[in-house]
């Protein structure tokens, strides 16, 4: 693959870089932890400037550009240390699924508010007791006249406490084989009977949530595909979640590696820099190399996307490598502080940052598919190994 920008791509990169220099709020990673309304407003500014939905069809609010432009956008966002759009579930999962499976009415209704950040989305896939086995879900939907009546529970739903809509996998045919009895609904999170219970993580943030559905009435036309298509529709969602997130994850890793480099270059109270220690230099170099390998793996996956229009299973490898690299990187940063890493509060602005993200990184190997599930996908769909028994 040619890694050089075309003249058109170079012009887009220069335009975006200039715009970010003038408009981007600083310290992107903290922005994700703080004022969600401010982050939502930032998403609206990105959309108004034409930097959201870059690859989406123009009739749905996008620019209809090649995925290479999306890669440039993510690279430049990382370079500027600017926050991304807050509607990650909508942009990377719900939106592409609606484009692939939705009716014209659904596309017209949902896509533009999703891009602008006016409406936030969450995902209702995982359930208590079913782990990573999506087909074992028991949340039910029974057709009653012009409505589906939904009952059940979902868990680990990011942004559900902020969301306006949910992409929900439900069981509509309890007598069919488990993969064949599923359907895929769009559910109003403000509908009567929907209850969200935030789950506080080890960081103290309520990022994940439980969602309870008690006789929630969902319009019949809010289904994507046909009844029984839920498994196929959900696979479209997951391919985009793990495939199109590759450059976003690499951008986040590059942002954190750059901060780690800044950290080890700073002088400590004794006047010495951590970077003067050859062992620390070697450890930082390893993470820089890992970041570069992810970048080139993403370019290879991008080639597949350009040729087929569909993200491939290679995205599972990117997500797996990123999640484990982020855990190593944040742990390394903590070790640089030594005993000072245990200090919290105003006396530890830098170590407090790394404390938070080291704790948050524990979820990286669970969300968007556990490391064990991703290794199975890589073994079976990339390496062609036989399925385990």
Protein backbone atom coordinates (compact mmCIF):
# COMPACT_ATOMS: atom_id res chain seq x y z
CA UNK A 1 0.00 0.00 0.00
CA UNK A 2 1.17 3.55 -0.77
CA UNK A 3 1.32 5.38 2.56
CA UNK A 4 1.76 8.81 0.96
CA UNK A 5 -1.16 11.21 0.75
CA UNK A 6 -2.58 12.02 -2.64
CA UNK A 7 -2.72 15.76 -3.42
CA UNK A 8 -6.40 15.76 -2.40
CA UNK A 9 -5.67 13.93 0.85
CA UNK A 10 -2.77 16.26 1.62
CA UNK A 11 -5.06 19.25 1.16
CA UNK A 12 -7.66 17.69 3.45
CA UNK A 13 -4.98 17.00 6.09
CA UNK A 14 -3.69 20.58 5.96
CA UNK A 15 -7.21 22.01 6.18
CA UNK A 16 -8.07 19.79 9.15
CA UNK A 17 -4.80 20.50 10.94
CA UNK A 18 -5.35 24.24 10.62
CA UNK A 19 -8.94 23.96 11.86
CA UNK A 20 -7.92 21.89 14.90
CA UNK A 21 -5.17 24.37 15.79
CA UNK A 22 -7.78 27.12 15.94
CA UNK A 23 -10.68 25.23 17.50
CA UNK A 24 -9.65 22.13 19.44
CA UNK A 25 -9.90 22.08 23.25
CA UNK A 26 -6.75 20.80 24.87
CA UNK A 27 -5.98 17.65 26.87
CA UNK A 28 -8.31 15.31 25.07
CA UNK A 29 -8.21 12.36 27.43
CA UNK A 30 -9.44 14.40 30.38
CA UNK A 31 -12.29 15.73 28.25
CA UNK A 32 -13.69 12.23 28.06
CA UNK A 33 -13.97 12.14 31.85
CA UNK A 34 -15.53 15.49 32.48
CA UNK A 35 -18.42 17.61 31.23
CA UNK A 36 -20.42 15.47 28.81
CA UNK A 37 -22.48 18.43 27.64
CA UNK A 38 -19.28 20.25 26.67
CA UNK A 39 -18.09 17.16 24.83
CA UNK A 40 -21.44 16.93 23.07
CA UNK A 41 -21.12 20.57 22.00
CA UNK A 42 -17.64 19.79 20.66
CA UNK A 43 -19.15 16.94 18.63
CA UNK A 44 -21.58 19.42 17.12
CA UNK A 45 -18.72 21.71 16.13
CA UNK A 46 -16.90 18.82 14.46
CA UNK A 47 -20.07 17.98 12.54
CA UNK A 48 -20.68 21.59 11.45
CA UNK A 49 -17.10 21.76 10.18
CA UNK A 50 -17.63 18.59 8.12
CA UNK A 51 -15.45 16.20 10.12
CA UNK A 52 -18.10 13.71 11.29
CA UNK A 53 -19.42 10.96 9.06
CA UNK A 54 -16.63 11.62 6.57
CA UNK A 55 -17.22 8.31 4.76
CA UNK A 56 -21.02 8.34 5.00
CA UNK A 57 -23.23 9.06 1.96
CA UNK A 58 -23.91 12.76 1.47
CA UNK A 59 -27.68 12.24 1.61
CA UNK A 60 -27.34 11.16 5.24
CA UNK A 61 -25.14 14.07 6.34
CA UNK A 62 -21.72 12.66 5.44
CA UNK A 63 -19.16 13.68 2.84
CA UNK A 64 -18.99 10.46 0.83
CA UNK A 65 -15.18 10.30 1.02
CA UNK A 66 -12.87 7.30 1.05
CA UNK A 67 -11.97 5.61 4.37
CA UNK A 68 -8.46 7.01 3.93
CA UNK A 69 -9.87 10.42 4.85
CA UNK A 70 -11.29 8.99 8.07
CA UNK A 71 -7.83 7.60 8.87
CA UNK A 72 -6.31 11.05 8.28
CA UNK A 73 -8.94 12.62 10.55
CA UNK A 74 -8.11 10.24 13.40
CA UNK A 75 -4.37 10.72 12.96
CA UNK A 76 -4.69 14.50 13.07
CA UNK A 77 -7.08 14.40 16.04
CA UNK A 78 -4.43 12.44 17.94
CA UNK A 79 -1.67 14.80 16.84
CA UNK A 80 -3.67 17.77 18.16
CA UNK A 81 -4.50 15.89 21.41
CA UNK A 82 -8.14 16.80 20.77
CA UNK A 83 -11.20 14.89 22.00
CA UNK A 84 -13.27 12.89 19.56
CA UNK A 85 -17.01 12.91 18.98
CA UNK A 86 -18.93 11.63 22.05
CA UNK A 87 -21.32 9.50 19.98
CA UNK A 88 -18.89 6.63 19.46
CA UNK A 89 -21.56 3.90 19.67
CA UNK A 90 -23.74 5.71 17.16
CA UNK A 91 -20.94 6.58 14.75
CA UNK A 92 -19.12 3.26 14.78
CA UNK A 93 -21.93 0.80 15.40
CA UNK A 94 -25.53 2.01 15.14
CA UNK A 95 -25.02 4.30 12.14
CA UNK A 96 -23.25 1.81 9.85
CA UNK A 97 -25.81 -0.86 10.79
CA UNK A 98 -28.74 1.43 9.95
CA UNK A 99 -27.10 2.30 6.63
CA UNK A 100 -26.71 -1.41 5.84
CA UNK A 101 -30.08 -2.69 7.09
CA UNK A 102 -32.40 0.27 7.65
CA UNK A 103 -35.36 1.41 5.61
CA UNK A 104 -35.26 4.79 3.88
CA UNK A 105 -37.48 6.17 6.64
CA UNK A 106 -35.13 4.90 9.35
CA UNK A 107 -32.10 6.37 7.62
CA UNK A 108 -33.77 9.75 7.25
CA UNK A 109 -34.94 9.76 10.88
CA UNK A 110 -31.86 8.60 12.76
CA UNK A 111 -28.64 9.30 10.89
CA UNK A 112 -28.29 13.10 10.83
CA UNK A 113 -29.11 13.63 14.55
CA UNK A 114 -26.63 10.85 15.31
CA UNK A 115 -23.87 12.58 13.35
CA UNK A 116 -24.48 16.00 14.89
CA UNK A 117 -24.44 14.66 18.45
CA UNK A 118 -28.02 15.76 19.06
CA UNK A 119 -28.89 12.15 19.86
CA UNK A 120 -26.63 9.70 21.68
CA UNK A 121 -26.81 5.92 21.24
CA UNK A 122 -26.05 2.90 23.39
CA UNK A 123 -25.85 -0.83 22.74
CA UNK A 124 -28.05 -3.52 24.30
CA UNK A 125 -26.25 -6.78 23.56
CA UNK A 126 -24.71 -8.38 26.69
CA UNK A 127 -26.90 -9.92 29.37
CA UNK A 128 -26.34 -11.29 32.87
CA UNK A 129 -25.65 -15.00 32.65
CA UNK A 130 -24.85 -15.14 28.94
CA UNK A 131 -21.32 -13.69 29.01
CA UNK A 132 -19.88 -13.31 25.52
CA UNK A 133 -22.50 -15.63 23.99
CA UNK A 134 -24.74 -13.11 22.26
CA UNK A 135 -27.03 -15.82 20.90
CA UNK A 136 -27.86 -16.94 24.45
CA UNK A 137 -29.66 -13.68 25.24
CA UNK A 138 -33.10 -14.00 26.81
CA UNK A 139 -34.50 -10.47 26.58
CA UNK A 140 -37.76 -11.02 24.73
CA UNK A 141 -39.93 -9.06 22.32
CA UNK A 142 -43.50 -10.22 21.64
CA UNK A 143 -45.55 -8.67 18.85
CA UNK A 144 -48.76 -7.08 20.12
CA UNK A 145 -50.61 -5.31 17.31
CA UNK A 146 -48.42 -2.47 16.06
CA UNK A 147 -45.85 -2.79 18.85
CA UNK A 148 -43.18 -5.13 20.15
CA UNK A 149 -43.45 -5.59 23.92
CA UNK A 150 -39.94 -5.92 25.34
CA UNK A 151 -38.99 -7.50 28.68
CA UNK A 152 -35.57 -8.34 30.03
CA UNK A 153 -32.23 -6.93 31.09
CA UNK A 154 -28.99 -5.85 29.45
CA UNK A 155 -25.66 -5.04 31.09
CA UNK A 156 -22.30 -3.36 30.33
CA UNK A 157 -24.06 -0.76 28.18
CA UNK A 158 -21.70 2.19 27.73
CA UNK A 159 -23.35 5.63 27.71
CA UNK A 160 -26.81 4.19 28.44
CA UNK A 161 -27.24 6.83 31.17
CA UNK A 162 -26.73 9.52 28.50
CA UNK A 163 -28.35 7.78 25.54
CA UNK A 164 -31.48 8.68 23.61
CA UNK A 165 -31.62 5.44 21.60
CA UNK A 166 -30.50 1.83 21.99
CA UNK A 167 -29.65 -0.83 19.40
CA UNK A 168 -31.19 -3.87 21.06
CA UNK A 169 -30.92 -7.59 20.31
CA UNK A 170 -34.03 -9.45 21.48
CA UNK A 171 -35.47 -12.97 21.23
CA UNK A 172 -38.62 -12.94 19.14
CA UNK A 173 -38.93 -16.70 18.49
CA UNK A 174 -38.23 -18.80 21.60
CA UNK A 175 -38.82 -22.04 19.68
CA UNK A 176 -36.22 -21.40 16.95
CA UNK A 177 -32.51 -22.36 17.26
CA UNK A 178 -30.87 -19.72 19.38
CA UNK A 179 -29.09 -17.94 16.50
CA UNK A 180 -32.25 -17.93 14.38
CA UNK A 181 -34.67 -16.64 17.00
CA UNK A 182 -33.18 -13.16 17.41
CA UNK A 183 -34.31 -9.79 16.09
CA UNK A 184 -32.76 -6.33 16.20
CA UNK A 185 -34.74 -3.32 17.42
CA UNK A 186 -34.19 0.42 17.77
CA UNK A 187 -35.53 1.42 21.19
CA UNK A 188 -36.28 4.85 22.61
CA UNK A 189 -34.37 5.09 25.90
CA UNK A 190 -36.94 7.59 27.19
CA UNK A 191 -39.89 5.21 26.66
CA UNK A 192 -41.99 4.14 29.68
CA UNK A 193 -40.62 0.96 31.22
CA UNK A 194 -36.95 1.62 30.44
CA UNK A 195 -34.81 1.89 33.58
CA UNK A 196 -31.06 2.58 33.55
CA UNK A 197 -28.91 1.74 36.55
CA UNK A 198 -25.33 3.07 36.30
CA UNK A 199 -22.53 0.71 37.36
CA UNK A 200 -19.65 2.49 39.05
CA UNK A 201 -16.30 1.14 37.93
CA UNK A 202 -13.05 0.92 39.84
CA UNK A 203 -12.29 4.44 38.56
CA UNK A 204 -15.45 5.74 40.23
CA UNK A 205 -17.09 6.61 36.90
CA UNK A 206 -20.54 5.24 35.94
CA UNK A 207 -19.48 4.54 32.37
CA UNK A 208 -21.23 1.18 32.10
CA UNK A 209 -24.87 0.53 32.93
CA UNK A 210 -27.60 -2.02 33.42
CA UNK A 211 -30.78 -1.50 31.40
CA UNK A 212 -34.11 -2.98 32.48
CA UNK A 213 -37.05 -3.34 30.09
CA UNK A 214 -40.47 -3.81 31.69
CA UNK A 215 -43.29 -4.10 29.14
CA UNK A 216 -41.62 -1.49 26.93
CA UNK A 217 -43.72 -0.88 23.83
CA UNK A 218 -41.60 -0.42 20.70
CA UNK A 219 -43.22 0.50 17.36
CA UNK A 220 -43.36 -2.46 15.00
CA UNK A 221 -41.46 -0.56 12.31
CA UNK A 222 -38.48 -0.04 14.66
CA UNK A 223 -36.94 -3.35 13.60
CA UNK A 224 -33.79 -3.56 11.45
CA UNK A 225 -34.13 -6.31 8.88
CA UNK A 226 -36.85 -8.92 9.34
CA UNK A 227 -37.82 -10.89 12.45
CA UNK A 228 -35.16 -13.58 12.86
CA UNK A 229 -32.41 -11.49 11.18
CA UNK A 230 -31.05 -10.30 14.52
CA UNK A 231 -27.90 -12.41 14.46
CA UNK A 232 -26.92 -11.27 10.96
CA UNK A 233 -27.63 -7.63 11.77
CA UNK A 234 -25.64 -7.87 15.00
CA UNK A 235 -22.65 -9.31 13.13
CA UNK A 236 -22.72 -6.23 10.91
CA UNK A 237 -22.58 -4.10 14.06
CA UNK A 238 -19.69 -6.05 15.56
CA UNK A 239 -17.66 -6.03 12.35
CA UNK A 240 -17.85 -2.25 12.31
CA UNK A 241 -17.16 -1.98 16.04
CA UNK A 242 -13.95 -3.98 15.76
CA UNK A 243 -13.04 -3.03 12.21
CA UNK A 244 -13.55 0.70 11.88
CA UNK A 245 -12.30 1.36 15.41
CA UNK A 246 -8.76 0.34 14.46
CA UNK A 247 -7.48 3.80 13.58
CA UNK A 248 -9.31 5.32 16.55
CA UNK A 249 -7.61 2.88 18.92
CA UNK A 250 -4.21 3.50 17.34
CA UNK A 251 -4.77 7.23 17.65
CA UNK A 252 -5.56 6.86 21.35
CA UNK A 253 -2.46 4.69 21.84
CA UNK A 254 -0.29 7.24 20.04
CA UNK A 255 -1.70 9.97 22.27
CA UNK A 256 -0.79 8.00 25.38
CA UNK A 257 2.67 7.04 24.09
CA UNK A 258 3.42 10.71 23.41
CA UNK A 259 2.40 11.56 26.96
CA UNK A 260 4.60 8.76 28.28
CA UNK A 261 7.57 10.16 26.33
CA UNK A 262 6.89 13.59 27.84
CA UNK A 263 6.75 12.01 31.28
CA UNK A 264 10.08 10.19 31.12
CA UNK A 265 11.82 13.33 29.82
CA UNK A 266 10.85 15.35 32.89
CA UNK A 267 13.33 15.78 35.72
CA UNK A 268 12.43 14.31 39.09
CA UNK A 269 13.08 15.90 42.50
CA UNK A 270 16.64 14.53 42.40
CA UNK A 271 17.33 16.21 39.06
CA UNK A 272 17.42 12.96 37.11
CA UNK A 273 15.15 11.99 34.24
CA UNK A 274 13.55 8.55 34.01
CA UNK A 275 14.70 8.50 30.37
CA UNK A 276 18.31 8.36 31.62
CA UNK A 277 17.63 4.78 32.75
CA UNK A 278 18.32 2.41 29.81
CA UNK A 279 15.72 -0.08 31.05
CA UNK A 280 13.02 2.59 30.98
CA UNK A 281 14.16 3.72 27.53
CA UNK A 282 13.87 0.13 26.29
CA UNK A 283 10.39 -0.24 27.78
CA UNK A 284 9.19 3.02 26.20
CA UNK A 285 10.72 1.99 22.88
CA UNK A 286 8.77 -1.25 23.00
CA UNK A 287 5.49 0.62 23.35
CA UNK A 288 6.44 2.99 20.52
CA UNK A 289 7.20 -0.01 18.28
CA UNK A 290 3.88 -1.62 19.25
CA UNK A 291 2.10 1.60 18.32
CA UNK A 292 3.78 1.65 14.90
CA UNK A 293 2.96 -2.02 14.26
CA UNK A 294 -0.70 -1.30 15.00
CA UNK A 295 -0.60 1.63 12.59
CA UNK A 296 0.66 -0.55 9.73
CA UNK A 297 -1.78 -3.34 10.58
CA UNK A 298 -4.53 -0.77 10.29
CA UNK A 299 -3.29 0.29 6.87
CA UNK A 300 -3.44 -3.35 5.78
CA UNK A 301 -7.00 -3.63 7.11
CA UNK A 302 -7.83 -0.34 5.37
CA UNK A 303 -6.72 -1.87 2.08
CA UNK A 304 -9.20 -4.71 2.61
CA UNK A 305 -11.94 -2.21 3.44
CA UNK A 306 -11.22 -0.20 0.29
CA UNK A 307 -11.35 -3.36 -1.84
CA UNK A 308 -14.45 -4.98 -0.33
CA UNK A 309 -16.34 -2.18 1.43
CA UNK A 310 -16.59 -4.38 4.55
CA UNK A 311 -14.24 -4.39 7.58
CA UNK A 312 -12.49 -7.73 7.93
CA UNK A 313 -11.82 -9.89 11.01
CA UNK A 314 -8.29 -8.42 11.23
CA UNK A 315 -9.83 -5.68 13.34
CA UNK A 316 -10.05 -8.21 16.17
CA UNK A 317 -6.26 -8.43 16.17
CA UNK A 318 -5.92 -4.67 16.38
CA UNK A 319 -8.33 -4.44 19.29
CA UNK A 320 -6.57 -7.29 21.13
CA UNK A 321 -3.09 -5.79 20.66
CA UNK A 322 -4.26 -2.28 21.60
CA UNK A 323 -5.98 -3.36 24.81
CA UNK A 324 -2.95 -5.24 26.11
CA UNK A 325 -0.54 -2.50 25.00
CA UNK A 326 -2.58 0.13 26.84
CA UNK A 327 -2.45 -1.90 30.03
CA UNK A 328 1.33 -2.28 29.75
CA UNK A 329 1.82 1.40 28.93
CA UNK A 330 -0.19 2.74 31.87
CA UNK A 331 1.50 0.28 34.21
CA UNK A 332 4.90 1.43 32.95
CA UNK A 333 3.97 5.05 33.58
CA UNK A 334 3.01 4.18 37.15
CA UNK A 335 6.35 2.44 37.72
CA UNK A 336 8.17 5.60 36.59
CA UNK A 337 6.67 7.46 39.57
CA UNK A 338 7.80 4.81 42.05
CA UNK A 339 6.26 5.32 45.48
CA UNK A 340 4.89 8.69 44.35
CA UNK A 341 2.42 6.76 42.18
CA UNK A 342 0.45 6.07 45.36
CA UNK A 343 -0.12 9.78 46.03
CA UNK A 344 -3.49 11.20 45.04
CA UNK A 345 -5.16 14.61 44.94
CA UNK A 346 -3.84 18.02 44.00
CA UNK A 347 -0.30 17.06 44.96
CA UNK A 348 -0.21 14.44 42.20
CA UNK A 349 -1.60 15.93 38.97
CA UNK A 350 0.54 13.75 36.70
CA UNK A 351 0.45 10.55 38.72
CA UNK A 352 -3.29 11.04 39.25
CA UNK A 353 -3.78 11.05 35.49
CA UNK A 354 -1.88 7.82 35.06
CA UNK A 355 -3.56 6.24 38.11
CA UNK A 356 -6.95 6.81 36.53
CA UNK A 357 -6.03 5.39 33.12
CA UNK A 358 -4.19 2.43 34.59
CA UNK A 359 -7.38 1.49 36.44
CA UNK A 360 -9.53 2.20 33.37
CA UNK A 361 -7.30 0.03 31.20
CA UNK A 362 -8.46 -3.08 33.09
CA UNK A 363 -11.70 -2.89 31.12
CA UNK A 364 -9.91 -2.76 27.76
CA UNK A 365 -9.49 -6.54 27.59
CA UNK A 366 -13.22 -7.07 28.28
CA UNK A 367 -15.11 -4.43 26.28
CA UNK A 368 -15.80 -4.92 22.53
CA UNK A 369 -15.08 -8.62 22.93
CA UNK A 370 -12.91 -10.24 25.59
CA UNK A 371 -9.34 -11.13 24.73
CA UNK A 372 -10.30 -14.81 24.77
CA UNK A 373 -13.11 -14.29 22.24
CA UNK A 374 -10.86 -12.19 20.00
CA UNK A 375 -8.15 -14.85 20.02
CA UNK A 376 -10.74 -17.38 18.88
CA UNK A 377 -11.81 -15.08 16.04
CA UNK A 378 -8.21 -14.58 14.95
CA UNK A 379 -7.51 -18.31 15.10
CA UNK A 380 -10.59 -19.32 13.12
CA UNK A 381 -11.18 -16.45 10.68
CA UNK A 382 -7.68 -15.06 10.09
CA UNK A 383 -5.40 -18.06 10.56
CA UNK A 384 -7.94 -20.63 9.38
CA UNK A 385 -7.43 -22.96 12.33
CA UNK A 386 -10.17 -25.50 13.15
CA UNK A 387 -12.78 -24.55 15.71
CA UNK A 388 -12.24 -25.80 19.25
CA UNK A 389 -14.52 -28.48 20.61
